[in-house]
Amino acid sequence: WLAAQTNGAQLVKAYEEIAAGIESMKEEIPITADI
């Protein structure tokens, strides 16, 4: 769904950064996506 939104590629990038950060239990997850 995010991929189909305006700015979809960046939304998906942030989604993937958050999912990976949560999986590894990062206390702070850097967001390099432009959201």
Full PDB file with SEQRES, HELIX, SHEET, SSBOND, CRYST1, ORIGX, SCALE, CONECT and MASTER records, all heavy atoms in Angstrom:
SEQRES   1 A   35  TRP LEU ALA ALA GLN THR ASN GLY ALA GLN LEU VAL LYS          
SEQRES   2 A   35  ALA TYR GLU GLU ILE ALA ALA GLY ILE GLU SER MET LYS          
SEQRES   3 A   35  GLU GLU ILE PRO ILE THR ALA ASP ILE                          
HELIX    1 AA1 LEU A    2  ALA A    4  5                                   3    
HELIX    2 AA2 GLY A    8  GLU A   23  1                                  16    
CRYST1    1.000    1.000    1.000  90.00  90.00  90.00 P 1           1          
ORIGX1      1.000000  0.000000  0.000000        0.00000                         
ORIGX2      0.000000  1.000000  0.000000        0.00000                         
ORIGX3      0.000000  0.000000  1.000000        0.00000                         
SCALE1      1.000000  0.000000  0.000000        0.00000                         
SCALE2      0.000000  1.000000  0.000000        0.00000                         
SCALE3      0.000000  0.000000  1.000000        0.00000                         
ATOM      1  N   TRP A   1       0.830  -1.199   0.000  1.00  0.00           N  
ATOM      2  CA  TRP A   1       0.000   0.000   0.000  1.00  0.00           C  
ATOM      3  C   TRP A   1       0.872   1.259   0.000  1.00  0.00           C  
ATOM      4  O   TRP A   1       0.607   2.205  -0.755  1.00  0.00           O  
ATOM      5  CB  TRP A   1      -0.942  -0.011   1.208  1.00  0.00           C  
ATOM      6  CG  TRP A   1      -1.838   1.180   1.258  1.00  0.00           C  
ATOM      7  CD1 TRP A   1      -3.001   1.363   0.586  1.00  0.00           C  
ATOM      8  CD2 TRP A   1      -1.622   2.375   2.028  1.00  0.00           C  
ATOM      9  NE1 TRP A   1      -3.534   2.595   0.881  1.00  0.00           N  
ATOM     10  CE2 TRP A   1      -2.715   3.235   1.764  1.00  0.00           C  
ATOM     11  CE3 TRP A   1      -0.645   2.798   2.907  1.00  0.00           C  
ATOM     12  CZ2 TRP A   1      -2.833   4.486   2.353  1.00  0.00           C  
ATOM     13  CZ3 TRP A   1      -0.757   4.044   3.490  1.00  0.00           C  
ATOM     14  CH2 TRP A   1      -1.850   4.876   3.205  1.00  0.00           C  
ATOM     15  N   LEU A   2       1.908   1.283   0.831  1.00  0.00           N  
ATOM     16  CA  LEU A   2       2.791   2.443   0.885  1.00  0.00           C  
ATOM     17  C   LEU A   2       3.447   2.695  -0.469  1.00  0.00           C  
ATOM     18  O   LEU A   2       3.575   3.846  -0.896  1.00  0.00           O  
ATOM     19  CB  LEU A   2       3.880   2.256   1.944  1.00  0.00           C  
ATOM     20  CG  LEU A   2       3.446   2.373   3.402  1.00  0.00           C  
ATOM     21  CD1 LEU A   2       4.572   1.936   4.325  1.00  0.00           C  
ATOM     22  CD2 LEU A   2       2.997   3.795   3.725  1.00  0.00           C  
ATOM     23  N   ALA A   3       3.856   1.632  -1.147  1.00  0.00           N  
ATOM     24  CA  ALA A   3       4.525   1.771  -2.442  1.00  0.00           C  
ATOM     25  C   ALA A   3       3.633   2.467  -3.469  1.00  0.00           C  
ATOM     26  O   ALA A   3       4.135   3.149  -4.372  1.00  0.00           O  
ATOM     27  CB  ALA A   3       4.956   0.402  -2.963  1.00  0.00           C  
ATOM     28  N   ALA A   4       2.336   2.328  -3.325  1.00  0.00           N  
ATOM     29  CA  ALA A   4       1.384   2.922  -4.276  1.00  0.00           C  
ATOM     30  C   ALA A   4       1.036   4.372  -3.941  1.00  0.00           C  
ATOM     31  O   ALA A   4       0.325   5.029  -4.703  1.00  0.00           O  
ATOM     32  CB  ALA A   4       0.107   2.080  -4.324  1.00  0.00           C  
ATOM     33  N   GLN A   5       1.536   4.885  -2.832  1.00  0.00           N  
ATOM     34  CA  GLN A   5       1.222   6.254  -2.416  1.00  0.00           C  
ATOM     35  C   GLN A   5       2.181   7.249  -3.070  1.00  0.00           C  
ATOM     36  O   GLN A   5       3.236   6.880  -3.571  1.00  0.00           O  
ATOM     37  CB  GLN A   5       1.320   6.379  -0.891  1.00  0.00           C  
ATOM     38  CG  GLN A   5       0.457   5.424  -0.106  1.00  0.00           C  
ATOM     39  CD  GLN A   5      -1.000   5.501  -0.496  1.00  0.00           C  
ATOM     40  OE1 GLN A   5      -1.623   6.555  -0.421  1.00  0.00           O  
ATOM     41  NE2 GLN A   5      -1.552   4.381  -0.941  1.00  0.00           N  
ATOM     42  N   THR A   6       1.813   8.524  -3.022  1.00  0.00           N  
ATOM     43  CA  THR A   6       2.740   9.577  -3.434  1.00  0.00           C  
ATOM     44  C   THR A   6       3.966   9.450  -2.534  1.00  0.00           C  
ATOM     45  O   THR A   6       3.831   9.242  -1.328  1.00  0.00           O  
ATOM     46  CB  THR A   6       2.078  10.964  -3.245  1.00  0.00           C  
ATOM     47  OG1 THR A   6       0.867  10.990  -4.008  1.00  0.00           O  
ATOM     48  CG2 THR A   6       3.000  12.084  -3.671  1.00  0.00           C  
ATOM     49  N   ASN A   7       5.145   9.542  -3.109  1.00  0.00           N  
ATOM     50  CA  ASN A   7       6.400   9.372  -2.371  1.00  0.00           C  
ATOM     51  C   ASN A   7       6.604   7.912  -1.934  1.00  0.00           C  
ATOM     52  O   ASN A   7       7.294   7.632  -0.964  1.00  0.00           O  
ATOM     53  CB  ASN A   7       6.475  10.324  -1.160  1.00  0.00           C  
ATOM     54  CG  ASN A   7       7.890  10.496  -0.641  1.00  0.00           C  
ATOM     55  OD1 ASN A   7       8.859  10.355  -1.381  1.00  0.00           O  
ATOM     56  ND2 ASN A   7       8.016  10.805   0.633  1.00  0.00           N  
ATOM     57  N   GLY A   8       5.996   6.988  -2.660  1.00  0.00           N  
ATOM     58  CA  GLY A   8       5.997   5.578  -2.288  1.00  0.00           C  
ATOM     59  C   GLY A   8       7.363   4.960  -2.066  1.00  0.00           C  
ATOM     60  O   GLY A   8       7.564   4.223  -1.105  1.00  0.00           O  
ATOM     61  N   ALA A   9       8.316   5.254  -2.937  1.00  0.00           N  
ATOM     62  CA  ALA A   9       9.644   4.649  -2.786  1.00  0.00           C  
ATOM     63  C   ALA A   9      10.284   5.069  -1.468  1.00  0.00           C  
ATOM     64  O   ALA A   9      10.906   4.240  -0.780  1.00  0.00           O  
ATOM     65  CB  ALA A   9      10.542   5.033  -3.965  1.00  0.00           C  
ATOM     66  N   GLN A  10      10.117   6.316  -1.094  1.00  0.00           N  
ATOM     67  CA  GLN A  10      10.694   6.794   0.167  1.00  0.00           C  
ATOM     68  C   GLN A  10       9.924   6.243   1.378  1.00  0.00           C  
ATOM     69  O   GLN A  10      10.531   5.919   2.408  1.00  0.00           O  
ATOM     70  CB  GLN A  10      10.723   8.327   0.190  1.00  0.00           C  
ATOM     71  CG  GLN A  10      11.681   8.923  -0.819  1.00  0.00           C  
ATOM     72  CD  GLN A  10      13.119   8.490  -0.586  1.00  0.00           C  
ATOM     73  OE1 GLN A  10      13.662   8.608   0.517  1.00  0.00           O  
ATOM     74  NE2 GLN A  10      13.753   7.966  -1.632  1.00  0.00           N  
ATOM     75  N   LEU A  11       8.620   6.121   1.255  1.00  0.00           N  
ATOM     76  CA  LEU A  11       7.824   5.538   2.337  1.00  0.00           C  
ATOM     77  C   LEU A  11       8.240   4.083   2.582  1.00  0.00           C  
ATOM     78  O   LEU A  11       8.397   3.651   3.730  1.00  0.00           O  
ATOM     79  CB  LEU A  11       6.334   5.614   2.010  1.00  0.00           C  
ATOM     80  CG  LEU A  11       5.735   7.018   1.899  1.00  0.00           C  
ATOM     81  CD1 LEU A  11       4.301   6.945   1.382  1.00  0.00           C  
ATOM     82  CD2 LEU A  11       5.806   7.754   3.213  1.00  0.00           C  
ATOM     83  N   VAL A  12       8.443   3.338   1.508  1.00  0.00           N  
ATOM     84  CA  VAL A  12       8.867   1.942   1.624  1.00  0.00           C  
ATOM     85  C   VAL A  12      10.271   1.863   2.232  1.00  0.00           C  
ATOM     86  O   VAL A  12      10.547   0.996   3.066  1.00  0.00           O  
ATOM     87  CB  VAL A  12       8.801   1.220   0.266  1.00  0.00           C  
ATOM     88  CG1 VAL A  12       9.519  -0.121   0.300  1.00  0.00           C  
ATOM     89  CG2 VAL A  12       7.343   1.034  -0.151  1.00  0.00           C  
ATOM     90  N   LYS A  13      11.145   2.755   1.837  1.00  0.00           N  
ATOM     91  CA  LYS A  13      12.500   2.773   2.403  1.00  0.00           C  
ATOM     92  C   LYS A  13      12.439   2.996   3.916  1.00  0.00           C  
ATOM     93  O   LYS A  13      13.105   2.299   4.684  1.00  0.00           O  
ATOM     94  CB  LYS A  13      13.332   3.862   1.721  1.00  0.00           C  
ATOM     95  CG  LYS A  13      14.774   3.909   2.189  1.00  0.00           C  
ATOM     96  CD  LYS A  13      15.570   4.966   1.428  1.00  0.00           C  
ATOM     97  CE  LYS A  13      17.005   4.996   1.912  1.00  0.00           C  
ATOM     98  NZ  LYS A  13      17.781   6.043   1.219  1.00  0.00           N  
ATOM     99  N   ALA A  14      11.632   3.955   4.359  1.00  0.00           N  
ATOM    100  CA  ALA A  14      11.480   4.208   5.797  1.00  0.00           C  
ATOM    101  C   ALA A  14      10.869   2.995   6.496  1.00  0.00           C  
ATOM    102  O   ALA A  14      11.300   2.605   7.585  1.00  0.00           O  
ATOM    103  CB  ALA A  14      10.619   5.449   6.026  1.00  0.00           C  
ATOM    104  N   TYR A  15       9.872   2.396   5.878  1.00  0.00           N  
ATOM    105  CA  TYR A  15       9.223   1.175   6.399  1.00  0.00           C  
ATOM    106  C   TYR A  15      10.269   0.084   6.620  1.00  0.00           C  
ATOM    107  O   TYR A  15      10.306  -0.554   7.672  1.00  0.00           O  
ATOM    108  CB  TYR A  15       8.170   0.753   5.382  1.00  0.00           C  
ATOM    109  CG  TYR A  15       7.546  -0.607   5.556  1.00  0.00           C  
ATOM    110  CD1 TYR A  15       6.283  -0.741   6.104  1.00  0.00           C  
ATOM    111  CD2 TYR A  15       8.196  -1.760   5.120  1.00  0.00           C  
ATOM    112  CE1 TYR A  15       5.679  -1.983   6.220  1.00  0.00           C  
ATOM    113  CE2 TYR A  15       7.610  -3.002   5.239  1.00  0.00           C  
ATOM    114  CZ  TYR A  15       6.349  -3.115   5.786  1.00  0.00           C  
ATOM    115  OH  TYR A  15       5.764  -4.354   5.899  1.00  0.00           O  
ATOM    116  N   GLU A  16      11.108  -0.138   5.622  1.00  0.00           N  
ATOM    117  CA  GLU A  16      12.138  -1.172   5.734  1.00  0.00           C  
ATOM    118  C   GLU A  16      13.161  -0.835   6.804  1.00  0.00           C  
ATOM    119  O   GLU A  16      13.631  -1.724   7.532  1.00  0.00           O  
ATOM    120  CB  GLU A  16      12.808  -1.406   4.376  1.00  0.00           C  
ATOM    121  CG  GLU A  16      11.866  -2.067   3.393  1.00  0.00           C  
ATOM    122  CD  GLU A  16      12.410  -2.147   1.973  1.00  0.00           C  
ATOM    123  OE1 GLU A  16      13.387  -1.425   1.642  1.00  0.00           O  
ATOM    124  OE2 GLU A  16      11.837  -2.937   1.190  1.00  0.00           O  
ATOM    125  N   GLU A  17      13.505   0.436   6.945  1.00  0.00           N  
ATOM    126  CA  GLU A  17      14.443   0.854   7.991  1.00  0.00           C  
ATOM    127  C   GLU A  17      13.839   0.606   9.370  1.00  0.00           C  
ATOM    128  O   GLU A  17      14.524   0.103  10.277  1.00  0.00           O  
ATOM    129  CB  GLU A  17      14.809   2.334   7.817  1.00  0.00           C  
ATOM    130  CG  GLU A  17      15.660   2.592   6.588  1.00  0.00           C  
ATOM    131  CD  GLU A  17      15.867   4.064   6.276  1.00  0.00           C  
ATOM    132  OE1 GLU A  17      15.031   4.924   6.677  1.00  0.00           O  
ATOM    133  OE2 GLU A  17      16.868   4.359   5.604  1.00  0.00           O  
ATOM    134  N   ILE A  18      12.568   0.931   9.523  1.00  0.00           N  
ATOM    135  CA  ILE A  18      11.901   0.722  10.811  1.00  0.00           C  
ATOM    136  C   ILE A  18      11.773  -0.761  11.112  1.00  0.00           C  
ATOM    137  O   ILE A  18      12.079  -1.206  12.227  1.00  0.00           O  
ATOM    138  CB  ILE A  18      10.534   1.431  10.844  1.00  0.00           C  
ATOM    139  CG1 ILE A  18      10.739   2.947  10.847  1.00  0.00           C  
ATOM    140  CG2 ILE A  18       9.715   0.996  12.059  1.00  0.00           C  
ATOM    141  CD1 ILE A  18       9.479   3.759  10.617  1.00  0.00           C  
ATOM    142  N   ALA A  19      11.331  -1.564  10.142  1.00  0.00           N  
ATOM    143  CA  ALA A  19      11.177  -3.006  10.368  1.00  0.00           C  
ATOM    144  C   ALA A  19      12.508  -3.654  10.765  1.00  0.00           C  
ATOM    145  O   ALA A  19      12.564  -4.455  11.704  1.00  0.00           O  
ATOM    146  CB  ALA A  19      10.604  -3.679   9.120  1.00  0.00           C  
ATOM    147  N   ALA A  20      13.581  -3.292  10.070  1.00  0.00           N  
ATOM    148  CA  ALA A  20      14.902  -3.850  10.395  1.00  0.00           C  
ATOM    149  C   ALA A  20      15.368  -3.384  11.772  1.00  0.00           C  
ATOM    150  O   ALA A  20      15.935  -4.170  12.547  1.00  0.00           O  
ATOM    151  CB  ALA A  20      15.913  -3.448   9.323  1.00  0.00           C  
ATOM    152  N   GLY A  21      15.117  -2.126  12.085  1.00  0.00           N  
ATOM    153  CA  GLY A  21      15.508  -1.599  13.398  1.00  0.00           C  
ATOM    154  C   GLY A  21      14.770  -2.279  14.535  1.00  0.00           C  
ATOM    155  O   GLY A  21      15.352  -2.597  15.574  1.00  0.00           O  
ATOM    156  N   ILE A  22      13.481  -2.526  14.343  1.00  0.00           N  
ATOM    157  CA  ILE A  22      12.690  -3.213  15.360  1.00  0.00           C  
ATOM    158  C   ILE A  22      13.151  -4.653  15.508  1.00  0.00           C  
ATOM    159  O   ILE A  22      13.287  -5.168  16.624  1.00  0.00           O  
ATOM    160  CB  ILE A  22      11.188  -3.136  15.032  1.00  0.00           C  
ATOM    161  CG1 ILE A  22      10.680  -1.712  15.255  1.00  0.00           C  
ATOM    162  CG2 ILE A  22      10.391  -4.137  15.866  1.00  0.00           C  
ATOM    163  CD1 ILE A  22       9.274  -1.462  14.750  1.00  0.00           C  
ATOM    164  N   GLU A  23      13.410  -5.314  14.392  1.00  0.00           N  
ATOM    165  CA  GLU A  23      13.868  -6.706  14.436  1.00  0.00           C  
ATOM    166  C   GLU A  23      15.134  -6.837  15.280  1.00  0.00           C  
ATOM    167  O   GLU A  23      15.267  -7.783  16.059  1.00  0.00           O  
ATOM    168  CB  GLU A  23      14.119  -7.228  13.010  1.00  0.00           C  
ATOM    169  CG  GLU A  23      14.537  -8.667  12.950  1.00  0.00           C  
ATOM    170  CD  GLU A  23      13.470  -9.641  13.424  1.00  0.00           C  
ATOM    171  OE1 GLU A  23      12.270  -9.395  13.228  1.00  0.00           O  
ATOM    172  OE2 GLU A  23      13.853 -10.686  14.002  1.00  0.00           O  
ATOM    173  N   SER A  24      16.045  -5.884  15.138  1.00  0.00           N  
ATOM    174  CA  SER A  24      17.290  -5.932  15.908  1.00  0.00           C  
ATOM    175  C   SER A  24      17.218  -5.127  17.209  1.00  0.00           C  
ATOM    176  O   SER A  24      18.232  -4.951  17.882  1.00  0.00           O  
ATOM    177  CB  SER A  24      18.459  -5.459  15.050  1.00  0.00           C  
ATOM    178  OG  SER A  24      18.262  -4.133  14.623  1.00  0.00           O  
ATOM    179  N   MET A  25      16.028  -4.654  17.535  1.00  0.00           N  
ATOM    180  CA  MET A  25      15.763  -3.927  18.784  1.00  0.00           C  
ATOM    181  C   MET A  25      16.636  -2.690  18.975  1.00  0.00           C  
ATOM    182  O   MET A  25      17.108  -2.402  20.069  1.00  0.00           O  
ATOM    183  CB  MET A  25      15.872  -4.845  20.004  1.00  0.00           C  
ATOM    184  CG  MET A  25      14.768  -5.859  20.082  1.00  0.00           C  
ATOM    185  SD  MET A  25      14.720  -6.754  21.640  1.00  0.00           S  
ATOM    186  CE  MET A  25      13.986  -5.526  22.727  1.00  0.00           C  
ATOM    187  N   LYS A  26      16.843  -1.948  17.913  1.00  0.00           N  
ATOM    188  CA  LYS A  26      17.594  -0.699  18.029  1.00  0.00           C  
ATOM    189  C   LYS A  26      16.798   0.276  18.878  1.00  0.00           C  
ATOM    190  O   LYS A  26      15.593   0.398  18.720  1.00  0.00           O  
ATOM    191  CB  LYS A  26      17.860  -0.103  16.655  1.00  0.00           C  
ATOM    192  CG  LYS A  26      18.892  -0.849  15.862  1.00  0.00           C  
ATOM    193  CD  LYS A  26      19.225  -0.097  14.598  1.00  0.00           C  
ATOM    194  CE  LYS A  26      20.346  -0.806  13.858  1.00  0.00           C  
ATOM    195  NZ  LYS A  26      20.696  -0.076  12.634  1.00  0.00           N  
ATOM    196  N   GLU A  27      17.492   0.944  19.767  1.00  0.00           N  
ATOM    197  CA  GLU A  27      16.822   1.950  20.598  1.00  0.00           C  
ATOM    198  C   GLU A  27      16.481   3.180  19.778  1.00  0.00           C  
ATOM    199  O   GLU A  27      15.484   3.842  20.032  1.00  0.00           O  
ATOM    200  CB  GLU A  27      17.703   2.314  21.788  1.00  0.00           C  
ATOM    201  CG  GLU A  27      17.794   1.178  22.796  1.00  0.00           C  
ATOM    202  CD  GLU A  27      18.557   1.571  24.038  1.00  0.00           C  
ATOM    203  OE1 GLU A  27      18.576   2.780  24.387  1.00  0.00           O  
ATOM    204  OE2 GLU A  27      19.132   0.677  24.658  1.00  0.00           O  
ATOM    205  N   GLU A  28      17.340   3.478  18.804  1.00  0.00           N  
ATOM    206  CA  GLU A  28      17.102   4.595  17.894  1.00  0.00           C  
ATOM    207  C   GLU A  28      17.320   4.086  16.478  1.00  0.00           C  
ATOM    208  O   GLU A  28      18.336   3.452  16.192  1.00  0.00           O  
ATOM    209  CB  GLU A  28      18.047   5.755  18.195  1.00  0.00           C  
ATOM    210  CG  GLU A  28      17.802   6.384  19.553  1.00  0.00           C  
ATOM    211  CD  GLU A  28      18.710   7.573  19.812  1.00  0.00           C  
ATOM    212  OE1 GLU A  28      19.824   7.631  19.246  1.00  0.00           O  
ATOM    213  OE2 GLU A  28      18.300   8.449  20.581  1.00  0.00           O  
ATOM    214  N   ILE A  29      16.377   4.373  15.595  1.00  0.00           N  
ATOM    215  CA  ILE A  29      16.446   3.906  14.212  1.00  0.00           C  
ATOM    216  C   ILE A  29      16.639   5.120  13.308  1.00  0.00           C  
ATOM    217  O   ILE A  29      15.722   5.938  13.145  1.00  0.00           O  
ATOM    218  CB  ILE A  29      15.157   3.150  13.825  1.00  0.00           C  
ATOM    219  CG1 ILE A  29      14.922   1.975  14.786  1.00  0.00           C  
ATOM    220  CG2 ILE A  29      15.227   2.688  12.379  1.00  0.00           C  
ATOM    221  CD1 ILE A  29      13.547   1.336  14.655  1.00  0.00           C  
ATOM    222  N   PRO A  30      17.838   5.250  12.721  1.00  0.00           N  
ATOM    223  CA  PRO A  30      18.055   6.362  11.791  1.00  0.00           C  
ATOM    224  C   PRO A  30      17.174   6.202  10.546  1.00  0.00           C  
ATOM    225  O   PRO A  30      17.051   5.106  10.005  1.00  0.00           O  
ATOM    226  CB  PRO A  30      19.533   6.233  11.410  1.00  0.00           C  
ATOM    227  CG  PRO A  30      20.133   5.290  12.400  1.00  0.00           C  
ATOM    228  CD  PRO A  30      19.023   4.426  12.901  1.00  0.00           C  
ATOM    229  N   ILE A  31      16.574   7.278  10.119  1.00  0.00           N  
ATOM    230  CA  ILE A  31      15.737   7.271   8.924  1.00  0.00           C  
ATOM    231  C   ILE A  31      16.469   8.068   7.847  1.00  0.00           C  
ATOM    232  O   ILE A  31      16.636   9.282   7.960  1.00  0.00           O  
ATOM    233  CB  ILE A  31      14.339   7.877   9.203  1.00  0.00           C  
ATOM    234  CG1 ILE A  31      13.635   7.132  10.339  1.00  0.00           C  
ATOM    235  CG2 ILE A  31      13.487   7.895   7.929  1.00  0.00           C  
ATOM    236  CD1 ILE A  31      13.376   5.659  10.075  1.00  0.00           C  
ATOM    237  N   THR A  32      16.911   7.357   6.810  1.00  0.00           N  
ATOM    238  CA  THR A  32      17.601   8.017   5.701  1.00  0.00           C  
ATOM    239  C   THR A  32      16.632   8.339   4.566  1.00  0.00           C  
ATOM    240  O   THR A  32      16.970   9.090   3.663  1.00  0.00           O  
ATOM    241  CB  THR A  32      18.757   7.144   5.161  1.00  0.00           C  
ATOM    242  OG1 THR A  32      18.219   5.922   4.663  1.00  0.00           O  
ATOM    243  CG2 THR A  32      19.774   6.866   6.264  1.00  0.00           C  
ATOM    244  N   ALA A  33      15.457   7.752   4.622  1.00  0.00           N  
ATOM    245  CA  ALA A  33      14.433   8.026   3.612  1.00  0.00           C  
ATOM    246  C   ALA A  33      13.957   9.471   3.752  1.00  0.00           C  
ATOM    247  O   ALA A  33      14.002  10.057   4.829  1.00  0.00           O  
ATOM    248  CB  ALA A  33      13.249   7.074   3.794  1.00  0.00           C  
ATOM    249  N   ASP A  34      13.508  10.021   2.659  1.00  0.00           N  
ATOM    250  CA  ASP A  34      13.008  11.394   2.647  1.00  0.00           C  
ATOM    251  C   ASP A  34      11.502  11.381   2.906  1.00  0.00           C  
ATOM    252  O   ASP A  34      10.700  11.377   1.976  1.00  0.00           O  
ATOM    253  CB  ASP A  34      13.322  12.043   1.299  1.00  0.00           C  
ATOM    254  CG  ASP A  34      12.977  13.524   1.266  1.00  0.00           C  
ATOM    255  OD1 ASP A  34      12.737  14.111   2.345  1.00  0.00           O  
ATOM    256  OD2 ASP A  34      12.934  14.101   0.159  1.00  0.00           O  
ATOM    257  N   ILE A  35      11.144  11.326   4.204  1.00  0.00           N  
ATOM    258  CA  ILE A  35       9.721  11.369   4.570  1.00  0.00           C  
ATOM    259  C   ILE A  35       9.488  12.490   5.571  1.00  0.00           C  
ATOM    260  O   ILE A  35      10.377  12.860   6.329  1.00  0.00           O  
ATOM    261  CB  ILE A  35       9.215  10.023   5.145  1.00  0.00           C  
ATOM    262  CG1 ILE A  35       9.897   9.685   6.466  1.00  0.00           C  
ATOM    263  CG2 ILE A  35       9.399   8.902   4.136  1.00  0.00           C  
ATOM    264  CD1 ILE A  35       9.197   8.600   7.248  1.00  0.00           C  
TER     265      ILE A  35                                                      
MASTER        0    0    0    2    0    0    0    6  264    1    0    3          
END                                                                             
